[in-house]
């Protein structure tokens, strides 16, 4: 695999899976906790919101399982101090700050559908939406 350009957060991965726009994610990066965030998003849409039936959710999770085999999984080990400092200075969650710290460390463009995270991150890294990197 070549070096990734993008770091995808859970919101962008969920959107890409639901819209079947997976090609841009191959060979790119995600944070290891994102795996659980994506699964939780599908659980929420199935169990709590009833937007997906279990069969649809299972199909999306199978697609996700295949997708992550093609992605770089990054962990924030060693960045704990930086993450906490970003969270406190920017007034965001530690989880969101971890994306910024990883994007900074690996010189990646953060892909997120979370407008607050995008605005906050843009002062430190390049942040875009899935729409900015996927042809319609």
Protein backbone atom coordinates (compact mmCIF):
# COMPACT_ATOMS: atom_id res chain seq x y z
CA UNK A 1 0.00 0.00 0.00
CA UNK A 2 1.08 3.54 -0.64
CA UNK A 3 1.14 6.21 2.04
CA UNK A 4 -2.37 7.45 2.90
CA UNK A 5 -3.52 11.00 2.18
CA UNK A 6 -6.71 11.02 4.26
CA UNK A 7 -7.74 10.18 7.82
CA UNK A 8 -11.45 9.29 7.90
CA UNK A 9 -13.56 9.75 11.01
CA UNK A 10 -16.60 7.61 11.80
CA UNK A 11 -19.11 10.12 10.39
CA UNK A 12 -17.47 10.03 6.96
CA UNK A 13 -17.06 6.26 6.95
CA UNK A 14 -20.73 5.74 7.86
CA UNK A 15 -21.77 8.14 5.10
CA UNK A 16 -19.49 6.44 2.56
CA UNK A 17 -20.87 3.02 3.46
CA UNK A 18 -24.50 4.13 3.28
CA UNK A 19 -23.94 5.91 -0.05
CA UNK A 20 -21.75 3.06 -1.42
CA UNK A 21 -18.88 5.48 -2.08
CA UNK A 22 -16.08 3.28 -0.81
CA UNK A 23 -13.41 3.62 -3.50
CA UNK A 24 -11.77 6.75 -2.01
CA UNK A 25 -11.31 5.00 1.34
CA UNK A 26 -9.12 2.16 0.09
CA UNK A 27 -5.51 2.70 1.13
CA UNK A 28 -6.46 5.55 3.47
CA UNK A 29 -6.37 5.77 7.28
CA UNK A 30 -8.71 5.50 10.22
CA UNK A 31 -8.17 5.60 13.95
CA UNK A 32 -8.56 2.22 15.66
CA UNK A 33 -11.44 3.43 17.85
CA UNK A 34 -13.30 4.42 14.70
CA UNK A 35 -14.09 0.75 14.15
CA UNK A 36 -16.24 0.77 17.29
CA UNK A 37 -17.75 4.17 16.52
CA UNK A 38 -18.93 2.93 13.11
CA UNK A 39 -20.39 -0.23 14.63
CA UNK A 40 -22.09 1.85 17.31
CA UNK A 41 -23.58 4.17 14.68
CA UNK A 42 -25.14 1.19 12.90
CA UNK A 43 -26.39 -0.23 16.22
CA UNK A 44 -28.00 3.13 17.01
CA UNK A 45 -29.64 3.36 13.57
CA UNK A 46 -30.91 -0.22 13.90
CA UNK A 47 -31.85 -0.63 17.55
CA UNK A 48 -32.74 2.87 18.72
CA UNK A 49 -33.80 4.81 15.62
CA UNK A 50 -35.14 1.96 13.47
CA UNK A 51 -33.70 3.56 10.32
CA UNK A 52 -32.00 0.30 9.30
CA UNK A 53 -33.29 -3.21 9.61
CA UNK A 54 -30.86 -5.80 10.99
CA UNK A 55 -30.23 -7.28 7.53
CA UNK A 56 -29.29 -3.86 6.09
CA UNK A 57 -27.02 -3.16 9.05
CA UNK A 58 -25.37 -6.56 8.70
CA UNK A 59 -24.69 -5.90 5.02
CA UNK A 60 -23.14 -2.51 5.81
CA UNK A 61 -21.00 -4.07 8.54
CA UNK A 62 -19.80 -6.75 6.10
CA UNK A 63 -18.83 -3.98 3.66
CA UNK A 64 -17.05 -2.17 6.50
CA UNK A 65 -15.17 -5.32 7.49
CA UNK A 66 -13.91 -5.67 3.93
CA UNK A 67 -13.06 -1.98 3.74
CA UNK A 68 -10.90 -1.87 6.86
CA UNK A 69 -8.73 -4.63 5.42
CA UNK A 70 -7.72 -2.06 2.78
CA UNK A 71 -7.09 0.80 5.24
CA UNK A 72 -4.29 1.83 7.56
CA UNK A 73 -5.40 1.60 11.19
CA UNK A 74 -3.67 4.23 13.30
CA UNK A 75 -3.45 4.34 17.07
CA UNK A 76 -2.82 7.46 19.14
CA UNK A 77 -0.26 5.76 21.38
CA UNK A 78 2.31 8.32 22.47
CA UNK A 79 0.08 11.28 21.59
CA UNK A 80 -1.92 11.34 24.81
CA UNK A 81 -0.45 14.65 26.02
CA UNK A 82 -0.95 16.32 22.65
CA UNK A 83 -4.51 15.02 22.45
CA UNK A 84 -5.40 16.32 25.88
CA UNK A 85 -3.83 19.71 25.15
CA UNK A 86 -5.78 20.03 21.89
CA UNK A 87 -9.02 19.02 23.62
CA UNK A 88 -8.60 21.56 26.40
CA UNK A 89 -7.36 24.41 24.20
CA UNK A 90 -10.05 23.92 21.52
CA UNK A 91 -12.93 22.93 23.81
CA UNK A 92 -13.58 19.61 22.07
CA UNK A 93 -13.75 16.01 23.22
CA UNK A 94 -10.59 14.00 23.66
CA UNK A 95 -11.91 11.63 21.02
CA UNK A 96 -12.25 14.43 18.43
CA UNK A 97 -8.86 15.82 19.45
CA UNK A 98 -7.30 12.43 18.73
CA UNK A 99 -8.25 12.80 15.06
CA UNK A 100 -6.52 16.18 14.91
CA UNK A 101 -3.42 14.84 16.65
CA UNK A 102 -3.21 11.86 14.28
CA UNK A 103 -3.81 14.00 11.20
CA UNK A 104 -1.06 16.33 12.39
CA UNK A 105 1.42 13.56 13.18
CA UNK A 106 0.94 11.74 9.89
CA UNK A 107 0.33 14.88 7.79
CA UNK A 108 -3.09 13.66 6.69
CA UNK A 109 -6.20 15.48 5.56
CA UNK A 110 -9.05 14.87 8.02
CA UNK A 111 -12.30 13.76 6.39
CA UNK A 112 -15.33 14.39 8.59
CA UNK A 113 -19.02 15.17 8.27
CA UNK A 114 -18.97 16.77 11.73
CA UNK A 115 -19.10 20.51 11.05
CA UNK A 116 -17.90 21.50 14.52
CA UNK A 117 -14.90 19.16 14.29
CA UNK A 118 -14.16 20.39 10.77
CA UNK A 119 -14.20 24.05 11.84
CA UNK A 120 -12.07 23.36 14.91
CA UNK A 121 -9.61 21.10 13.08
CA UNK A 122 -9.16 23.52 10.17
CA UNK A 123 -7.03 25.80 12.35
CA UNK A 124 -4.51 22.96 12.71
CA UNK A 125 -4.95 20.58 9.75
CA UNK A 126 -6.73 20.46 6.42
CA UNK A 127 -10.29 19.19 7.04
CA UNK A 128 -12.78 18.29 4.31
CA UNK A 129 -16.07 16.47 3.82
CA UNK A 130 -16.51 13.25 1.87
CA UNK A 131 -18.21 15.40 -0.79
CA UNK A 132 -14.92 17.21 -1.39
CA UNK A 133 -13.09 14.04 -2.41
CA UNK A 134 -15.78 11.93 -4.12
CA UNK A 135 -16.96 12.54 -7.66
CA UNK A 136 -20.71 12.49 -7.90
